[in-house]
């Protein structure tokens, strides 16, 4: 399957994993919708990188938690290229809260996190589904997390949202076949600017070092490495894969049993 000239929407692609996935797809000749909410400068840099890779690219400011924004993003994609082949649901939010301190999370925290991580992903899939069905082809990659498999991560609300996203991946893979494939990647800790800003450089460096030393493959997780798995699921190498959640964490999950996680 030749993917050159096909089109991908990558939500939350101004920075981090989303930007890396957008650029990797652009290097394969895929035209890119760079989506952002606030980071316009960074989105413009990602767009320029996609164009430098030889692809066409547009920027769309939209909040996936808003259904009208999702539908508008799909329409702007169709207006630009007349097709939507790939959707990468990368946009996500969280709140840092100790799992054992239940008062650190409110109902509003859950609602805000679910609005983007679960409902936003659903709304984006719903927005692109007619075009993908009509053309007889579509690939959706939901960016989940090991948190949704193991109940760990930045907060209970975040882990629960990613667990819901994993279940939705299976449900929609079944419902949207045969034209549309739906899969998810479940990364562990990713070395992104977002985490460094949230946790602080000292904590970020300590976690990065510990992650590299403890993982069976002895590897860290720069966004570009995780993006390779997204590209795989979105393109020809995964033509026979749907409804799967693939853990991408250098084998770190294999150590959880002995740690009691």
Protein backbone atom coordinates (compact mmCIF):
# COMPACT_ATOMS: atom_id res chain seq x y z
CA UNK A 1 0.00 0.00 0.00
CA UNK A 2 1.48 3.31 -1.11
CA UNK A 3 0.66 6.00 1.48
CA UNK A 4 2.33 8.87 -0.35
CA UNK A 5 -0.22 11.61 -0.95
CA UNK A 6 -2.62 10.34 1.68
CA UNK A 7 -3.76 12.56 4.53
CA UNK A 8 -3.43 12.39 8.32
CA UNK A 9 -4.90 14.40 11.17
CA UNK A 10 -2.66 14.31 14.23
CA UNK A 11 -4.34 15.90 17.23
CA UNK A 12 -2.16 17.70 19.74
CA UNK A 13 0.71 17.79 17.28
CA UNK A 14 2.37 21.10 18.09
CA UNK A 15 4.93 19.45 20.38
CA UNK A 16 6.12 16.16 21.83
CA UNK A 17 4.84 12.82 20.60
CA UNK A 18 2.21 14.38 18.35
CA UNK A 19 4.80 16.51 16.56
CA UNK A 20 7.12 13.52 16.19
CA UNK A 21 4.31 11.40 14.70
CA UNK A 22 3.29 14.17 12.30
CA UNK A 23 6.85 14.60 11.05
CA UNK A 24 7.43 10.85 10.71
CA UNK A 25 4.25 10.52 8.63
CA UNK A 26 5.27 13.53 6.53
CA UNK A 27 8.59 11.83 5.81
CA UNK A 28 6.52 9.00 4.30
CA UNK A 29 4.77 11.48 2.00
CA UNK A 30 1.59 11.87 4.02
CA UNK A 31 -0.06 15.31 4.05
CA UNK A 32 -0.54 16.51 7.62
CA UNK A 33 -3.06 18.45 9.66
CA UNK A 34 -1.14 19.93 12.58
CA UNK A 35 -3.66 20.45 15.37
CA UNK A 36 -3.09 22.66 18.39
CA UNK A 37 -5.07 24.51 21.05
CA UNK A 38 -2.65 27.14 22.41
CA UNK A 39 0.86 26.42 21.12
CA UNK A 40 0.64 28.30 17.80
CA UNK A 41 4.37 29.00 17.53
CA UNK A 42 5.29 25.36 18.09
CA UNK A 43 2.55 24.22 15.70
CA UNK A 44 4.02 26.46 13.01
CA UNK A 45 7.42 24.86 13.62
CA UNK A 46 5.92 21.37 13.25
CA UNK A 47 4.14 22.44 10.06
CA UNK A 48 7.42 23.76 8.66
CA UNK A 49 9.17 20.50 9.54
CA UNK A 50 6.45 18.49 7.76
CA UNK A 51 6.81 20.67 4.67
CA UNK A 52 10.59 20.34 4.79
CA UNK A 53 10.07 16.58 4.73
CA UNK A 54 8.25 16.98 1.40
CA UNK A 55 4.63 16.86 2.52
CA UNK A 56 1.87 19.44 2.42
CA UNK A 57 0.61 20.63 5.80
CA UNK A 58 -1.99 22.91 7.32
CA UNK A 59 -2.53 24.12 10.87
CA UNK A 60 -5.92 23.85 12.57
CA UNK A 61 -6.58 25.34 15.98
CA UNK A 62 -9.21 23.17 17.64
CA UNK A 63 -10.10 21.67 21.00
CA UNK A 64 -11.05 18.01 20.61
CA UNK A 65 -13.29 18.28 23.67
CA UNK A 66 -15.54 20.49 21.51
CA UNK A 67 -17.54 18.45 18.99
CA UNK A 68 -17.97 21.41 16.63
CA UNK A 69 -14.20 21.87 16.57
CA UNK A 70 -13.74 18.19 15.69
CA UNK A 71 -16.20 18.40 12.81
CA UNK A 72 -14.60 21.63 11.58
CA UNK A 73 -11.16 20.02 11.62
CA UNK A 74 -12.44 17.13 9.50
CA UNK A 75 -14.07 19.58 7.09
CA UNK A 76 -10.92 21.68 6.73
CA UNK A 77 -8.98 18.49 5.97
CA UNK A 78 -11.45 17.51 3.27
CA UNK A 79 -11.43 21.04 1.87
CA UNK A 80 -7.64 20.87 1.58
CA UNK A 81 -7.17 17.39 0.14
CA UNK A 82 -10.55 15.72 -0.35
CA UNK A 83 -9.74 12.73 1.84
CA UNK A 84 -8.91 11.63 5.38
CA UNK A 85 -6.85 8.44 5.60
CA UNK A 86 -5.24 8.50 9.05
CA UNK A 87 -6.31 9.86 12.41
CA UNK A 88 -3.87 9.92 15.30
CA UNK A 89 -5.74 10.72 18.52
CA UNK A 90 -2.78 12.10 20.43
CA UNK A 91 -4.30 15.07 22.28
CA UNK A 92 -4.40 14.38 26.00
CA UNK A 93 -4.47 16.01 29.40
CA UNK A 94 -3.80 14.92 32.97
CA UNK A 95 -3.47 16.10 36.53
CA UNK A 96 -0.74 14.98 38.90
CA UNK A 97 -2.35 13.49 42.02
CA UNK A 98 -1.18 10.79 44.44
CA UNK A 99 -3.26 7.66 43.85
CA UNK A 100 -3.69 7.05 47.58
CA UNK A 101 -4.89 10.59 48.36
CA UNK A 102 -8.43 10.55 47.03
CA UNK A 103 -9.20 14.12 47.98
CA UNK A 104 -6.61 15.35 45.47
CA UNK A 105 -9.06 14.67 42.63
CA UNK A 106 -12.47 16.22 42.12
CA UNK A 107 -15.36 15.31 39.87
CA UNK A 108 -14.38 18.26 37.70
CA UNK A 109 -10.85 16.81 37.31
CA UNK A 110 -12.33 13.55 36.02
CA UNK A 111 -14.68 15.39 33.69
CA UNK A 112 -11.92 17.59 32.25
CA UNK A 113 -9.60 14.64 31.67
CA UNK A 114 -12.31 12.43 30.16
CA UNK A 115 -13.51 15.30 27.95
CA UNK A 116 -10.20 15.26 26.06
CA UNK A 117 -8.78 11.77 26.53
CA UNK A 118 -11.95 9.77 25.89
CA UNK A 119 -14.78 11.92 24.55
CA UNK A 120 -12.41 13.96 22.39
CA UNK A 121 -11.01 10.82 20.79
CA UNK A 122 -14.53 9.52 20.18
CA UNK A 123 -15.66 12.81 18.65
CA UNK A 124 -12.67 12.88 16.31
CA UNK A 125 -13.35 9.33 15.14
CA UNK A 126 -17.00 10.20 14.59
CA UNK A 127 -15.98 13.30 12.61
CA UNK A 128 -13.70 11.41 10.20
CA UNK A 129 -15.75 8.22 9.94
CA UNK A 130 -17.97 9.27 6.98
CA UNK A 131 -14.99 10.19 4.79
CA UNK A 132 -13.06 7.04 5.69
CA UNK A 133 -16.08 4.83 5.10
CA UNK A 134 -16.81 6.48 1.75
CA UNK A 135 -13.29 5.98 0.44
CA UNK A 136 -13.16 2.43 1.82
CA UNK A 137 -10.04 2.94 3.91
CA UNK A 138 -9.07 4.49 7.19
CA UNK A 139 -6.66 3.94 10.06
CA UNK A 140 -7.11 5.31 13.57
CA UNK A 141 -4.34 5.19 16.16
CA UNK A 142 -5.33 6.15 19.69
CA UNK A 143 -2.44 7.25 21.88
CA UNK A 144 -3.18 5.59 25.19
CA UNK A 145 -0.77 4.72 28.00
CA UNK A 146 0.56 1.87 30.09
CA UNK A 147 -1.38 3.69 32.83
CA UNK A 148 -4.59 2.39 31.26
CA UNK A 149 -3.32 -1.19 31.38
CA UNK A 150 -1.73 -1.22 34.84
CA UNK A 151 -3.64 1.47 36.75
CA UNK A 152 -0.56 3.61 37.31
CA UNK A 153 0.55 7.04 36.13
CA UNK A 154 -0.01 10.67 36.99
CA UNK A 155 -3.41 10.16 38.62
CA UNK A 156 -6.30 7.74 39.02
CA UNK A 157 -8.37 9.90 36.68
CA UNK A 158 -5.70 9.73 33.98
CA UNK A 159 -5.30 5.96 34.32
CA UNK A 160 -9.06 5.47 34.21
CA UNK A 161 -9.36 7.63 31.10
CA UNK A 162 -6.73 5.61 29.27
CA UNK A 163 -8.39 2.37 30.35
CA UNK A 164 -11.61 3.68 28.85
CA UNK A 165 -9.75 4.63 25.67
CA UNK A 166 -8.39 1.09 25.39
CA UNK A 167 -11.88 -0.38 25.71
CA UNK A 168 -13.24 2.10 23.17
CA UNK A 169 -10.48 1.06 20.77
CA UNK A 170 -11.75 -2.51 20.84
CA UNK A 171 -15.40 -1.48 20.54
CA UNK A 172 -14.84 0.79 17.56
CA UNK A 173 -12.47 -1.61 15.82
CA UNK A 174 -15.34 -4.06 15.76
CA UNK A 175 -17.98 -1.48 14.86
CA UNK A 176 -16.09 0.30 12.06
CA UNK A 177 -14.61 -2.70 10.26
CA UNK A 178 -13.96 -3.59 7.51
CA UNK A 179 -13.16 -0.15 6.14
CA UNK A 180 -11.54 1.40 9.23
CA UNK A 181 -8.86 -0.10 11.45
CA UNK A 182 -8.67 1.15 15.05
CA UNK A 183 -5.67 0.44 17.28
CA UNK A 184 -3.92 1.97 20.26
CA UNK A 185 -0.36 2.42 21.44
CA UNK A 186 0.33 2.32 25.17
CA UNK A 187 3.63 4.03 25.89
CA UNK A 188 5.27 4.14 29.27
CA UNK A 189 7.16 7.24 30.37
CA UNK A 190 7.97 9.48 27.38
CA UNK A 191 10.78 12.03 27.49
CA UNK A 192 8.74 15.06 26.46
CA UNK A 193 8.95 18.76 27.18
CA UNK A 194 5.44 18.58 28.69
CA UNK A 195 6.55 16.20 31.44
CA UNK A 196 9.71 18.19 32.11
CA UNK A 197 7.66 21.37 32.55
CA UNK A 198 5.14 19.65 34.84
CA UNK A 199 7.59 17.72 37.01
CA UNK A 200 10.65 19.95 36.88
CA UNK A 201 14.00 19.22 35.26
CA UNK A 202 15.51 17.44 38.27
CA UNK A 203 12.60 15.01 38.60
CA UNK A 204 12.46 14.57 34.83
CA UNK A 205 16.14 13.66 34.62
CA UNK A 206 15.88 11.26 37.56
CA UNK A 207 12.89 9.44 36.08
CA UNK A 208 14.51 9.29 32.64
CA UNK A 209 17.66 7.77 34.12
CA UNK A 210 15.72 5.27 36.23
CA UNK A 211 13.55 4.30 33.28
CA UNK A 212 16.55 3.63 31.07
CA UNK A 213 18.31 1.57 33.74
CA UNK A 214 15.29 -0.49 34.80
CA UNK A 215 13.74 -1.34 31.44
CA UNK A 216 14.72 -4.76 30.06
CA UNK A 217 15.81 -3.18 26.78
CA UNK A 218 17.80 -0.48 28.63
CA UNK A 219 16.32 2.24 26.47
CA UNK A 220 14.74 5.59 27.15
CA UNK A 221 11.70 6.85 25.34
CA UNK A 222 12.25 9.91 23.17
CA UNK A 223 9.05 10.85 21.31
CA UNK A 224 10.55 9.83 17.96
CA UNK A 225 10.88 6.21 19.08
CA UNK A 226 7.24 5.97 20.17
CA UNK A 227 6.17 7.75 16.97
CA UNK A 228 7.61 4.86 14.95
CA UNK A 229 5.01 2.55 16.52
CA UNK A 230 2.22 4.99 15.67
CA UNK A 231 3.37 5.13 12.05
CA UNK A 232 3.51 1.33 11.92
CA UNK A 233 -0.09 0.97 13.08
CA UNK A 234 -1.27 3.70 10.71
CA UNK A 235 0.37 2.36 7.57
CA UNK A 236 0.96 -0.70 5.44
CA UNK A 237 2.81 -2.81 8.00
CA UNK A 238 -0.35 -3.19 10.07
CA UNK A 239 -2.91 -3.89 7.34
CA UNK A 240 -4.13 -6.98 9.21
CA UNK A 241 -4.13 -5.44 12.69
CA UNK A 242 -7.20 -3.93 14.34
CA UNK A 243 -8.57 -3.76 17.87
CA UNK A 244 -5.13 -4.06 19.45
CA UNK A 245 -3.47 -2.11 22.25
CA UNK A 246 0.29 -2.37 21.86
CA UNK A 247 2.51 -1.64 24.85
CA UNK A 248 5.54 0.42 23.81
CA UNK A 249 7.74 0.83 26.89
CA UNK A 250 11.05 -0.99 26.24
CA UNK A 251 9.67 -3.90 28.28
CA UNK A 252 9.21 -1.96 31.52
CA UNK A 253 5.81 -3.59 32.09
CA UNK A 254 7.62 -6.93 32.41
CA UNK A 255 9.17 -5.72 35.64
CA UNK A 256 5.89 -4.70 37.28
CA UNK A 257 5.08 -8.18 38.61
CA UNK A 258 8.15 -8.29 40.80
CA UNK A 259 7.44 -4.74 41.98
CA UNK A 260 3.88 -5.60 42.94
CA UNK A 261 2.29 -3.22 40.42
